[in-house]
């Protein structure tokens, strides 16, 4: 049997086809046509006939289940939402099934590949990008074919006055010049070295086009959980229930890129790991993410663990509180003496940040939560196989960051904290967050308590804490982070006051370093400057780095035959074309 992904993505030839070919060919492997013909003539007919007679025709093989059930925590836990205007691109990851990007992501390597854009190139100004768009790609329903006007409509949502999209400031700096229906220029007023990442499948709802015609039918402001604007993906929206499920079905025509095995996908939102585990074992859920201990338990009971090909899942504990005193959204500049929103934040003291890092036993966390598979990260947001990597970060890591409770206590004492004046901090341990988040942050709280800190766990969900995030309301807080947005994008997202989003950890010295590496677009030169940013970040202890790990998912092998994936796009599950069905 052969499976073809249109557009040259992949061709997989399974066992029955191999047997049929073997029966039709010479058995001696000789490349000479004459001798091969002689061998065929001499071969007994019975060696080939039974295979051909009993083989199941390819067209008759059907998935054992027509509907794939994927479960995860509710990625956007609020009553209504429009992800193109009000969300982070890493939130509604499930849109990767129904909507496509200008730039795709290779399902095995994660590299940028053509998708709705056939090609792209930098303009002579060195900051703008020209996209050549694919022709003849239809939107779901009666909503026309994809063209440049649909990109303009999508960007209108990103950049609207009330937008909270995390890339809004970057897109507001761009003039979208429509050359013709299938050619558009992103004319960038600023140097932005991450513009291609933003508009790729690495960021699911960032520049990911929907139909302008469909948006008009929805009065320009859709509830995208209940009725999203039409996309171009191989699946189209069927129905959604807030906080419970989101369903799509295979399009009723030949999709330009691939034909899925599954007639339907149901995304079922279940925040509790144990409930997802029970559903998996009962056969009610076919694919999900679970904490490492439950992954192993599921494997013992016959489930299969799928591991991403690319090691780009960063685990770290980030600081919240130090924010530059600059107006932004719900925060107005106060003119504080220190230049930060909260001059009283203990996290402004590098000794406190260093103490918190040295309180953490990374080896124990790796064993407990990642089954020892994590690769210790020696500088937050930096990959050690890129040209910017400084080997000094490795040699100095143990002295600066390594587990040493006695040194941590001494640093706290130098910063003015002790038994009569303990440091008080809040730790995010979000309900419905990453599978290991609550347990790991509770463990971190134990480490902090052991050096005399008073930690408090905050288990509210993202909807409850969002107003505080947006008003810069945190003073001494730690948040758990897992992300595959590295270097350029990570510093902009978590540490830069120059654009949305803000609310992470900002320092004056770090702001200068980030400004410097964002002045140019050329990758080689950017990486040279990133090493300087890395030196600054390492010395300032901008976070508590933990590990790089490969994304792991678990699936039912009685329903899913295989799932090979890169792990690069944001969100726990992507590359839905790679989820292949067991057939009979």
Protein backbone atom coordinates (compact mmCIF):
# COMPACT_ATOMS: atom_id res chain seq x y z
CA UNK A 1 0.00 0.00 0.00
CA UNK A 2 1.29 3.47 -0.77
CA UNK A 3 0.49 6.69 1.05
CA UNK A 4 1.22 9.90 -0.85
CA UNK A 5 1.37 13.35 0.70
CA UNK A 6 0.74 15.74 -2.14
CA UNK A 7 3.32 18.46 -2.59
CA UNK A 8 6.24 16.04 -2.21
CA UNK A 9 6.05 15.75 1.56
CA UNK A 10 6.40 11.99 1.87
CA UNK A 11 5.78 8.61 0.27
CA UNK A 12 5.42 5.58 2.52
CA UNK A 13 5.22 2.09 0.99
CA UNK A 14 3.91 -0.55 3.33
CA UNK A 15 4.32 -4.32 3.46
CA UNK A 16 1.55 -5.51 1.14
CA UNK A 17 2.87 -3.43 -1.75
CA UNK A 18 6.36 -4.74 -1.04
CA UNK A 19 5.12 -8.33 -1.25
CA UNK A 20 3.28 -7.65 -4.50
CA UNK A 21 6.37 -6.07 -6.02
CA UNK A 22 8.53 -8.94 -4.82
CA UNK A 23 6.21 -11.46 -6.49
CA UNK A 24 6.44 -9.58 -9.79
CA UNK A 25 10.25 -9.19 -9.84
CA UNK A 26 13.26 -11.44 -10.27
CA UNK A 27 14.23 -13.09 -7.00
CA UNK A 28 18.01 -12.94 -7.60
CA UNK A 29 18.37 -9.13 -7.59
CA UNK A 30 20.22 -9.16 -10.94
CA UNK A 31 20.02 -5.81 -12.72
CA UNK A 32 20.43 -7.39 -16.16
CA UNK A 33 17.09 -7.42 -17.94
CA UNK A 34 17.75 -10.58 -20.00
CA UNK A 35 18.82 -12.78 -17.11
CA UNK A 36 15.97 -11.41 -15.02
CA UNK A 37 13.56 -12.40 -17.75
CA UNK A 38 15.05 -15.89 -17.86
CA UNK A 39 14.69 -16.29 -14.13
CA UNK A 40 11.05 -15.21 -14.36
CA UNK A 41 10.43 -17.77 -17.07
CA UNK A 42 11.97 -20.57 -15.02
CA UNK A 43 10.27 -19.66 -11.72
CA UNK A 44 7.31 -21.82 -10.68
CA UNK A 45 4.04 -19.93 -11.08
CA UNK A 46 2.91 -20.99 -7.61
CA UNK A 47 5.53 -18.75 -5.95
CA UNK A 48 3.72 -15.59 -7.10
CA UNK A 49 0.07 -16.44 -7.53
CA UNK A 50 -0.92 -17.00 -3.85
CA UNK A 51 0.37 -13.59 -2.76
CA UNK A 52 -1.43 -11.76 -5.55
CA UNK A 53 -4.60 -13.76 -5.01
CA UNK A 54 -4.84 -13.20 -1.25
CA UNK A 55 -3.55 -9.64 -1.01
CA UNK A 56 -6.12 -7.12 0.17
CA UNK A 57 -6.54 -4.39 -2.48
CA UNK A 58 -5.01 -1.13 -1.29
CA UNK A 59 -8.24 0.80 -1.75
CA UNK A 60 -10.08 -1.64 0.52
CA UNK A 61 -7.85 -1.04 3.54
CA UNK A 62 -9.63 1.22 6.01
CA UNK A 63 -8.62 2.70 9.37
CA UNK A 64 -9.86 0.63 12.30
CA UNK A 65 -11.22 3.92 13.70
CA UNK A 66 -12.57 6.67 11.48
CA UNK A 67 -12.37 9.32 14.21
CA UNK A 68 -9.10 10.18 15.93
CA UNK A 69 -9.49 11.45 19.50
CA UNK A 70 -6.70 13.73 20.72
CA UNK A 71 -6.78 15.03 24.27
CA UNK A 72 -4.93 17.73 26.13
CA UNK A 73 -5.39 20.49 28.67
CA UNK A 74 -7.70 23.28 27.56
CA UNK A 75 -5.23 25.49 25.66
CA UNK A 76 -7.36 28.63 25.87
CA UNK A 77 -9.49 28.44 29.04
CA UNK A 78 -11.88 31.34 28.62
CA UNK A 79 -15.47 31.74 27.48
CA UNK A 80 -14.87 33.36 24.09
CA UNK A 81 -11.77 34.06 22.11
CA UNK A 82 -10.36 35.11 18.79
CA UNK A 83 -6.79 33.75 18.65
CA UNK A 84 -5.78 36.00 15.76
CA UNK A 85 -6.50 39.06 17.92
CA UNK A 86 -6.32 38.07 21.57
CA UNK A 87 -4.05 35.06 22.11
CA UNK A 88 -0.48 33.87 22.08
CA UNK A 89 0.36 31.79 18.99
CA UNK A 90 1.34 28.92 21.27
CA UNK A 91 -2.18 28.69 22.74
CA UNK A 92 -4.60 27.33 20.12
CA UNK A 93 -2.20 24.73 18.67
CA UNK A 94 -5.10 22.61 17.37
CA UNK A 95 -5.65 25.12 14.55
CA UNK A 96 -2.72 23.43 12.82
CA UNK A 97 -5.22 20.83 11.61
CA UNK A 98 -7.55 23.27 9.89
CA UNK A 99 -5.36 26.22 8.94
CA UNK A 100 -2.01 26.47 7.19
CA UNK A 101 0.89 28.93 7.23
CA UNK A 102 2.79 30.78 4.55
CA UNK A 103 5.92 28.92 5.64
CA UNK A 104 5.59 25.33 6.77
CA UNK A 105 7.68 23.25 9.13
CA UNK A 106 9.34 20.05 7.98
CA UNK A 107 7.61 17.31 9.99
CA UNK A 108 10.87 15.52 10.70
CA UNK A 109 13.50 18.26 11.06
CA UNK A 110 11.38 21.30 11.90
CA UNK A 111 13.11 23.34 9.17
CA UNK A 112 11.20 26.01 7.26
CA UNK A 113 9.64 24.68 4.04
CA UNK A 114 7.21 26.17 1.49
CA UNK A 115 3.53 25.90 2.32
CA UNK A 116 0.98 28.55 1.26
CA UNK A 117 3.96 30.56 0.03
CA UNK A 118 5.82 28.76 -2.74
CA UNK A 119 8.90 30.90 -2.09
CA UNK A 120 10.13 33.99 -0.28
CA UNK A 121 13.16 36.27 -0.46
CA UNK A 122 14.62 39.30 1.29
CA UNK A 123 14.14 42.61 -0.47
CA UNK A 124 17.11 44.91 -1.31
CA UNK A 125 16.42 46.99 1.81
CA UNK A 126 17.51 44.01 3.93
CA UNK A 127 14.48 44.14 6.20
CA UNK A 128 11.46 43.39 3.97
CA UNK A 129 10.30 40.02 2.60
CA UNK A 130 8.58 39.22 -0.71
CA UNK A 131 6.31 36.14 -0.76
CA UNK A 132 5.21 34.28 -3.90
CA UNK A 133 1.87 32.69 -2.99
CA UNK A 134 0.57 29.31 -4.07
CA UNK A 135 -2.24 29.37 -6.62
CA UNK A 136 -5.42 27.31 -6.62
CA UNK A 137 -5.64 26.64 -2.87
CA UNK A 138 -9.26 26.66 -1.78
CA UNK A 139 -10.72 27.71 1.53
CA UNK A 140 -13.22 25.51 3.32
CA UNK A 141 -16.83 25.90 2.24
CA UNK A 142 -17.97 28.52 -0.22
CA UNK A 143 -15.24 31.00 0.71
CA UNK A 144 -13.10 31.30 -2.40
CA UNK A 145 -9.43 30.60 -3.10
CA UNK A 146 -6.45 31.83 -1.12
CA UNK A 147 -4.90 35.12 -2.23
CA UNK A 148 -3.00 38.13 -0.89
CA UNK A 149 -6.22 39.83 0.26
CA UNK A 150 -6.72 37.06 2.83
CA UNK A 151 -3.32 37.79 4.35
CA UNK A 152 -4.30 41.45 4.66
CA UNK A 153 -7.55 40.46 6.41
CA UNK A 154 -5.66 38.19 8.81
CA UNK A 155 -3.16 40.90 9.63
CA UNK A 156 -6.04 43.26 10.27
CA UNK A 157 -7.03 41.04 13.19
CA UNK A 158 -3.46 40.90 14.53
CA UNK A 159 -3.09 44.68 14.41
CA UNK A 160 -6.57 45.95 15.37
CA UNK A 161 -6.66 48.63 18.06
CA UNK A 162 -7.79 46.24 20.81
CA UNK A 163 -5.49 43.40 19.77
CA UNK A 164 -3.65 41.49 22.47
CA UNK A 165 -1.90 39.16 20.03
CA UNK A 166 1.70 38.66 21.08
CA UNK A 167 3.05 39.63 17.64
CA UNK A 168 0.86 42.71 17.18
CA UNK A 169 3.63 45.28 17.57
CA UNK A 170 5.80 43.51 15.03
CA UNK A 171 2.99 43.34 12.49
CA UNK A 172 2.02 46.95 13.13
CA UNK A 173 5.53 47.87 11.96
CA UNK A 174 4.86 46.24 8.58
CA UNK A 175 3.10 47.66 5.51
CA UNK A 176 1.56 44.78 3.56
CA UNK A 177 2.05 45.67 -0.10
CA UNK A 178 -0.13 43.59 -2.42
CA UNK A 179 1.66 43.25 -5.75
CA UNK A 180 -1.03 40.98 -7.21
CA UNK A 181 -3.30 38.18 -6.02
CA UNK A 182 -0.35 35.85 -5.51
CA UNK A 183 2.49 38.16 -4.54
CA UNK A 184 2.82 40.25 -1.41
CA UNK A 185 5.65 42.20 0.24
CA UNK A 186 6.01 42.51 3.99
CA UNK A 187 7.59 45.98 3.94
CA UNK A 188 9.14 46.16 7.37
CA UNK A 189 9.89 49.53 8.94
CA UNK A 190 12.16 47.89 11.52
CA UNK A 191 14.88 45.29 11.41
CA UNK A 192 13.20 42.13 12.64
CA UNK A 193 15.34 38.98 12.47
CA UNK A 194 12.44 36.71 13.51
CA UNK A 195 9.83 37.70 10.94
CA UNK A 196 10.10 34.38 9.05
CA UNK A 197 9.70 32.38 12.27
CA UNK A 198 6.62 34.41 13.15
CA UNK A 199 4.87 33.74 9.86
CA UNK A 200 5.73 30.05 9.81
CA UNK A 201 4.04 26.97 11.26
CA UNK A 202 6.30 27.43 14.29
CA UNK A 203 3.64 29.95 15.41
CA UNK A 204 0.27 28.44 14.66
CA UNK A 205 -1.97 31.54 14.72
CA UNK A 206 0.52 34.18 13.64
CA UNK A 207 0.05 35.32 10.06
CA UNK A 208 -1.75 32.03 9.39
CA UNK A 209 -4.28 33.11 6.75
CA UNK A 210 -8.02 32.67 6.98
CA UNK A 211 -10.63 33.60 4.38
CA UNK A 212 -11.51 37.29 4.17
CA UNK A 213 -14.89 36.26 2.72
CA UNK A 214 -15.53 34.01 5.71
CA UNK A 215 -14.53 36.75 8.16
CA UNK A 216 -17.10 39.08 6.57
CA UNK A 217 -19.79 36.42 7.03
CA UNK A 218 -18.87 36.31 10.73
CA UNK A 219 -19.20 40.11 11.01
CA UNK A 220 -15.48 40.62 11.36
CA UNK A 221 -15.20 39.38 14.96
CA UNK A 222 -15.67 35.62 15.22
CA UNK A 223 -15.83 33.41 18.25
CA UNK A 224 -13.16 31.14 16.91
CA UNK A 225 -13.94 28.26 19.26
CA UNK A 226 -17.51 28.05 18.03
CA UNK A 227 -17.16 29.18 14.40
CA UNK A 228 -13.68 30.14 13.17
CA UNK A 229 -13.08 31.82 9.83
CA UNK A 230 -12.38 29.27 7.11
CA UNK A 231 -8.86 27.96 6.64
CA UNK A 232 -7.11 25.94 3.94
CA UNK A 233 -6.10 22.86 5.95
CA UNK A 234 -6.93 19.25 5.19
CA UNK A 235 -9.55 19.37 7.97
CA UNK A 236 -12.46 21.78 8.29
CA UNK A 237 -14.30 22.92 11.41
CA UNK A 238 -17.46 21.03 12.47
CA UNK A 239 -18.36 22.04 16.03
CA UNK A 240 -16.90 23.25 19.30
CA UNK A 241 -17.91 23.47 22.94
CA UNK A 242 -16.04 25.95 25.12
CA UNK A 243 -13.71 24.19 27.51
CA UNK A 244 -14.75 20.74 26.33
CA UNK A 245 -14.02 19.91 22.69
CA UNK A 246 -13.26 21.09 19.16
CA UNK A 247 -14.11 18.88 16.17
CA UNK A 248 -12.95 18.88 12.57
CA UNK A 249 -13.61 16.63 9.57
CA UNK A 250 -11.63 15.75 6.47
CA UNK A 251 -12.40 18.10 3.58
CA UNK A 252 -14.70 16.56 0.92
CA UNK A 253 -12.25 17.20 -1.92
CA UNK A 254 -8.64 16.45 -2.79
CA UNK A 255 -6.58 18.68 -0.55
CA UNK A 256 -3.62 20.29 -2.29
CA UNK A 257 -1.08 18.95 0.22
CA UNK A 258 -2.22 15.62 1.69
CA UNK A 259 -5.18 13.31 2.32
CA UNK A 260 -5.53 12.37 6.00
CA UNK A 261 -6.24 8.84 7.17
CA UNK A 262 -8.90 10.07 9.55
CA UNK A 263 -12.39 11.18 8.60
CA UNK A 264 -12.63 13.22 11.80
CA UNK A 265 -10.50 14.50 14.67
CA UNK A 266 -11.99 15.32 18.04
CA UNK A 267 -9.85 17.48 20.31
CA UNK A 268 -11.08 16.72 23.82
CA UNK A 269 -10.03 19.15 26.56
CA UNK A 270 -9.26 17.43 29.87
CA UNK A 271 -7.06 19.25 32.37
CA UNK A 272 -6.45 16.36 34.76
CA UNK A 273 -3.56 14.10 33.78
CA UNK A 274 -5.11 11.11 35.55
CA UNK A 275 -8.36 11.49 33.63
CA UNK A 276 -6.55 11.62 30.29
CA UNK A 277 -4.56 8.55 31.34
CA UNK A 278 -7.76 6.66 32.18
CA UNK A 279 -9.31 7.66 28.86
CA UNK A 280 -6.23 6.46 26.98
CA UNK A 281 -6.22 3.07 28.67
CA UNK A 282 -9.97 2.70 28.15
CA UNK A 283 -9.60 3.34 24.41
CA UNK A 284 -11.63 6.55 24.56
CA UNK A 285 -8.57 8.71 23.80
CA UNK A 286 -6.02 7.77 21.14
CA UNK A 287 -3.25 10.37 21.55
CA UNK A 288 -2.32 12.67 24.43
CA UNK A 289 0.50 14.16 26.49
CA UNK A 290 1.19 12.98 30.02
CA UNK A 291 3.85 13.51 32.71
CA UNK A 292 6.87 11.21 32.35
CA UNK A 293 5.85 8.86 35.16
CA UNK A 294 2.44 8.30 33.60
CA UNK A 295 4.03 7.91 30.17
CA UNK A 296 6.03 4.99 31.49
CA UNK A 297 2.99 3.50 33.19
CA UNK A 298 1.03 3.76 29.95
CA UNK A 299 3.88 2.11 28.04
CA UNK A 300 3.83 -0.85 30.46
CA UNK A 301 0.16 -1.28 29.60
CA UNK A 302 0.75 -1.46 25.87
CA UNK A 303 0.71 2.18 24.79
CA UNK A 304 3.49 3.64 22.61
CA UNK A 305 5.59 6.67 23.51
CA UNK A 306 6.39 8.89 20.54
CA UNK A 307 9.51 11.03 20.91
CA UNK A 308 10.18 14.15 18.87
CA UNK A 309 13.17 14.15 16.54
CA UNK A 310 14.42 17.59 17.60
CA UNK A 311 15.63 18.41 21.11
CA UNK A 312 14.12 21.87 21.41
CA UNK A 313 11.75 21.79 24.39
CA UNK A 314 13.19 24.13 26.97
CA UNK A 315 12.23 23.81 30.61
CA UNK A 316 13.06 26.76 32.85
CA UNK A 317 11.71 28.76 35.77
CA UNK A 318 11.34 32.42 34.85
CA UNK A 319 11.27 35.45 37.11
CA UNK A 320 8.37 37.90 37.20
CA UNK A 321 8.46 41.26 38.95
CA UNK A 322 11.34 43.28 37.48
CA UNK A 323 9.67 45.12 34.59
CA UNK A 324 10.97 48.33 33.04
CA UNK A 325 8.84 51.35 33.95
CA UNK A 326 7.47 51.92 30.45
CA UNK A 327 3.83 52.37 29.48
CA UNK A 328 2.26 49.32 27.96
CA UNK A 329 -1.37 48.17 27.60
CA UNK A 330 -2.88 48.36 31.10
CA UNK A 331 0.29 49.76 32.70
CA UNK A 332 1.17 53.46 32.66
CA UNK A 333 4.69 54.71 33.28
CA UNK A 334 5.07 55.84 36.89
CA UNK A 335 8.42 57.62 36.74
CA UNK A 336 9.82 55.41 39.51
CA UNK A 337 13.20 56.26 40.97
CA UNK A 338 14.66 52.85 40.12
CA UNK A 339 13.31 52.72 36.55
CA UNK A 340 11.29 49.56 37.23
CA UNK A 341 7.59 49.07 37.89
CA UNK A 342 8.29 47.60 41.34
CA UNK A 343 11.39 49.00 43.02
CA UNK A 344 10.70 46.74 46.02
CA UNK A 345 11.01 43.53 43.99
CA UNK A 346 13.58 41.26 45.62
CA UNK A 347 14.29 39.76 42.21
CA UNK A 348 16.09 42.94 41.15
CA UNK A 349 19.01 41.67 43.26
CA UNK A 350 21.23 39.29 41.29
CA UNK A 351 22.26 37.59 44.54
CA UNK A 352 18.65 36.57 45.13
CA UNK A 353 18.31 35.25 41.57
CA UNK A 354 21.56 33.32 41.91
CA UNK A 355 20.47 31.90 45.28
CA UNK A 356 17.19 30.65 43.82
CA UNK A 357 19.06 28.91 41.02
CA UNK A 358 21.58 27.27 43.34
CA UNK A 359 18.73 25.96 45.52
CA UNK A 360 17.53 23.67 42.71
CA UNK A 361 18.82 20.10 42.34
CA UNK A 362 18.58 19.70 38.56
CA UNK A 363 19.71 16.07 38.55
CA UNK A 364 16.92 15.10 40.94
CA UNK A 365 14.35 17.01 38.88
CA UNK A 366 15.60 15.36 35.69
CA UNK A 367 15.24 11.90 37.22
CA UNK A 368 11.86 12.61 38.82
CA UNK A 369 10.10 14.40 35.96
CA UNK A 370 11.95 13.61 32.76
CA UNK A 371 13.15 10.03 33.41
CA UNK A 372 16.73 11.25 33.18
CA UNK A 373 16.34 12.19 29.51
CA UNK A 374 16.82 15.93 29.96
CA UNK A 375 19.97 17.68 28.76
CA UNK A 376 21.05 20.27 31.33
CA UNK A 377 20.74 23.74 29.88
CA UNK A 378 23.66 26.00 30.79
CA UNK A 379 22.23 29.28 29.48
CA UNK A 380 18.53 30.01 29.22
CA UNK A 381 17.13 30.16 25.64
CA UNK A 382 20.43 29.19 23.98
CA UNK A 383 21.09 25.96 22.06
CA UNK A 384 24.55 24.49 22.52
CA UNK A 385 24.90 23.36 18.88
CA UNK A 386 24.67 26.83 17.35
CA UNK A 387 27.56 29.06 16.39
CA UNK A 388 26.85 31.60 19.13
CA UNK A 389 27.46 29.06 21.91
CA UNK A 390 30.23 30.05 24.32
CA UNK A 391 31.97 27.03 25.92
CA UNK A 392 32.77 29.20 28.94
CA UNK A 393 29.08 28.88 29.90
CA UNK A 394 29.65 25.15 30.36
CA UNK A 395 32.82 25.47 32.41
CA UNK A 396 31.41 28.17 34.67
CA UNK A 397 27.92 26.72 35.10
CA UNK A 398 28.49 24.69 38.26
CA UNK A 399 30.06 27.61 40.14
CA UNK A 400 27.38 30.07 39.06
CA UNK A 401 24.23 27.95 38.90
CA UNK A 402 24.96 24.48 40.30
CA UNK A 403 23.10 22.95 43.24
CA UNK A 404 24.61 24.24 46.50
CA UNK A 405 22.11 24.94 49.32
CA UNK A 406 24.80 26.32 51.64
CA UNK A 407 25.94 28.82 49.02
CA UNK A 408 22.30 29.72 48.34
CA UNK A 409 21.70 30.50 52.02
CA UNK A 410 24.85 32.62 52.13
CA UNK A 411 23.73 34.61 49.08
CA UNK A 412 20.33 35.25 50.65
CA UNK A 413 22.04 36.43 53.81
CA UNK A 414 24.20 38.83 51.80
CA UNK A 415 21.01 40.13 50.18
CA UNK A 416 19.52 40.82 53.62
CA UNK A 417 17.27 37.80 54.11
CA UNK A 418 17.29 35.32 56.98
CA UNK A 419 15.13 33.58 59.61
CA UNK A 420 13.75 36.87 60.96
CA UNK A 421 13.26 38.35 57.48
CA UNK A 422 12.53 35.50 55.04
CA UNK A 423 12.20 36.08 51.32
CA UNK A 424 8.58 35.57 50.24
CA UNK A 425 7.86 34.45 46.68
CA UNK A 426 4.87 33.18 44.70
CA UNK A 427 5.21 30.19 42.36
CA UNK A 428 2.91 29.56 39.41
CA UNK A 429 1.61 25.98 39.53
CA UNK A 430 -1.17 26.36 37.02
CA UNK A 431 -4.19 24.11 36.87
CA UNK A 432 -4.34 22.80 33.31
CA UNK A 433 -0.75 23.79 32.60
CA UNK A 434 2.02 21.50 31.36
CA UNK A 435 1.74 17.90 32.56
CA UNK A 436 4.54 18.10 35.11
CA UNK A 437 4.08 21.77 36.02
CA UNK A 438 2.21 21.50 39.31
CA UNK A 439 4.35 18.72 40.75
CA UNK A 440 7.63 20.22 39.60
CA UNK A 441 6.85 23.65 40.99
CA UNK A 442 5.79 22.07 44.28
CA UNK A 443 9.18 20.36 44.34
CA UNK A 444 10.88 23.69 43.62
CA UNK A 445 8.94 25.24 46.50
CA UNK A 446 10.37 22.54 48.75
CA UNK A 447 13.91 23.38 47.66
CA UNK A 448 13.29 27.06 48.34
CA UNK A 449 11.80 26.34 51.78
CA UNK A 450 14.92 24.34 52.62
CA UNK A 451 17.08 27.48 52.29
CA UNK A 452 14.74 29.63 54.40
CA UNK A 453 12.41 31.08 51.76
CA UNK A 454 8.64 31.28 52.25
CA UNK A 455 7.10 30.03 48.99
CA UNK A 456 3.41 30.16 48.08
CA UNK A 457 1.92 28.05 45.27
CA UNK A 458 -0.55 29.76 42.94
CA UNK A 459 -2.68 27.12 41.20
CA UNK A 460 -5.13 29.39 39.39
CA UNK A 461 -5.59 28.95 35.65
CA UNK A 462 -4.43 31.36 32.95
CA UNK A 463 -7.77 33.15 32.73
CA UNK A 464 -7.61 34.02 36.43
CA UNK A 465 -4.06 35.37 36.35
CA UNK A 466 -4.21 37.12 32.95
CA UNK A 467 -5.37 40.51 34.33
CA UNK A 468 -2.42 40.61 36.73
CA UNK A 469 -0.07 39.63 33.92
CA UNK A 470 -1.30 42.46 31.71
CA UNK A 471 -1.14 45.11 34.41
CA UNK A 472 2.39 44.15 35.52
CA UNK A 473 1.01 43.24 38.93
CA UNK A 474 3.60 40.66 40.00
CA UNK A 475 6.33 41.67 42.45
CA UNK A 476 8.15 38.47 43.46
CA UNK A 477 6.90 35.60 41.35
CA UNK A 478 8.27 32.57 39.51
CA UNK A 479 6.59 30.97 36.50
CA UNK A 480 7.24 27.63 34.87
CA UNK A 481 8.08 27.67 31.18
CA UNK A 482 8.29 25.10 28.45
CA UNK A 483 8.93 26.46 25.00
CA UNK A 484 10.63 25.71 21.73
CA UNK A 485 11.01 29.37 20.88
CA UNK A 486 14.72 29.92 21.33
CA UNK A 487 17.30 32.69 21.18
CA UNK A 488 15.89 35.56 19.06
CA UNK A 489 12.21 35.02 19.71
CA UNK A 490 12.60 33.93 23.32
CA UNK A 491 14.38 37.11 24.33
CA UNK A 492 11.78 39.24 22.61
CA UNK A 493 8.88 37.31 24.17
CA UNK A 494 10.19 37.04 27.71
CA UNK A 495 12.66 39.86 28.27
CA UNK A 496 12.25 42.81 25.91
CA UNK A 497 10.29 46.04 26.43
CA UNK A 498 10.43 46.90 22.72
CA UNK A 499 7.25 45.12 21.67
CA UNK A 500 4.44 42.81 22.76
CA UNK A 501 4.21 40.71 24.77
CA UNK A 502 5.54 42.09 28.04
CA UNK A 503 5.23 40.90 31.59
CA UNK A 504 8.28 38.65 31.81
CA UNK A 505 11.63 39.60 33.29
CA UNK A 506 13.29 42.80 32.07
CA UNK A 507 16.58 44.39 33.10
CA UNK A 508 18.19 47.57 31.80
CA UNK A 509 21.45 45.82 30.88
CA UNK A 510 19.58 43.02 29.13
CA UNK A 511 17.45 45.51 27.19
CA UNK A 512 20.61 47.06 25.74
CA UNK A 513 21.95 43.66 24.70
CA UNK A 514 18.67 42.65 23.04
CA UNK A 515 18.42 45.98 21.18
CA UNK A 516 21.92 45.34 19.82
CA UNK A 517 21.24 41.89 18.36
CA UNK A 518 17.90 42.98 16.89
CA UNK A 519 19.44 45.79 14.84
CA UNK A 520 20.19 43.44 11.92
CA UNK A 521 18.60 40.56 10.02
CA UNK A 522 21.56 38.62 8.57
CA UNK A 523 21.70 35.34 10.51
CA UNK A 524 25.49 35.03 10.70
CA UNK A 525 25.91 38.52 12.12
CA UNK A 526 22.91 38.11 14.43
CA UNK A 527 24.47 34.97 15.91
CA UNK A 528 27.73 36.85 16.56
CA UNK A 529 25.79 39.44 18.50
CA UNK A 530 23.77 36.78 20.29
CA UNK A 531 26.95 35.50 21.92
CA UNK A 532 27.31 38.92 23.56
CA UNK A 533 23.67 38.76 24.66
CA UNK A 534 24.38 35.30 26.04
CA UNK A 535 27.33 36.53 28.09
CA UNK A 536 25.14 39.26 29.55
CA UNK A 537 22.28 36.86 30.28
CA UNK A 538 24.59 34.31 31.91
CA UNK A 539 26.14 36.87 34.26
CA UNK A 540 22.78 38.43 35.17
CA UNK A 541 21.07 35.11 36.00
CA UNK A 542 18.00 36.05 33.98
CA UNK A 543 16.20 32.77 34.82
CA UNK A 544 16.60 29.40 36.51
CA UNK A 545 17.63 27.18 33.58
CA UNK A 546 16.67 23.52 33.86
CA UNK A 547 16.79 21.21 30.83
CA UNK A 548 16.30 20.72 27.15
CA UNK A 549 14.10 17.70 26.47
CA UNK A 550 12.44 16.09 23.48
CA UNK A 551 8.66 16.34 23.37
CA UNK A 552 7.01 13.03 24.27
CA UNK A 553 3.47 11.94 23.45
CA UNK A 554 1.67 8.66 24.02
CA UNK A 555 -0.72 6.86 21.70
CA UNK A 556 -2.76 3.70 21.33
CA UNK A 557 -0.99 1.37 18.83
CA UNK A 558 -4.26 -0.46 18.11
CA UNK A 559 -5.51 2.75 16.49
CA UNK A 560 -2.40 4.71 15.47
CA UNK A 561 0.18 2.85 13.39
CA UNK A 562 2.91 5.49 13.69
CA UNK A 563 3.54 9.11 14.48
CA UNK A 564 6.95 10.57 13.64
CA UNK A 565 7.23 14.28 14.36
CA UNK A 566 9.83 17.01 14.80
CA UNK A 567 8.46 18.60 17.98
CA UNK A 568 9.31 22.06 16.67
CA UNK A 569 5.97 23.88 16.14
CA UNK A 570 4.56 25.52 19.24
CA UNK A 571 2.04 23.51 21.19
CA UNK A 572 2.17 19.90 22.30
CA UNK A 573 0.88 18.29 19.08
CA UNK A 574 1.43 19.25 15.44
CA UNK A 575 2.11 17.74 12.00
CA UNK A 576 -1.26 15.98 11.93
CA UNK A 577 -0.42 14.50 8.51
CA UNK A 578 2.13 12.33 10.29
CA UNK A 579 -0.45 10.54 12.44
CA UNK A 580 -1.03 7.35 10.45
CA UNK A 581 -3.90 4.96 11.13
CA UNK A 582 -3.87 1.24 11.74
CA UNK A 583 -5.75 -0.21 8.77
CA UNK A 584 -7.43 -3.49 8.02
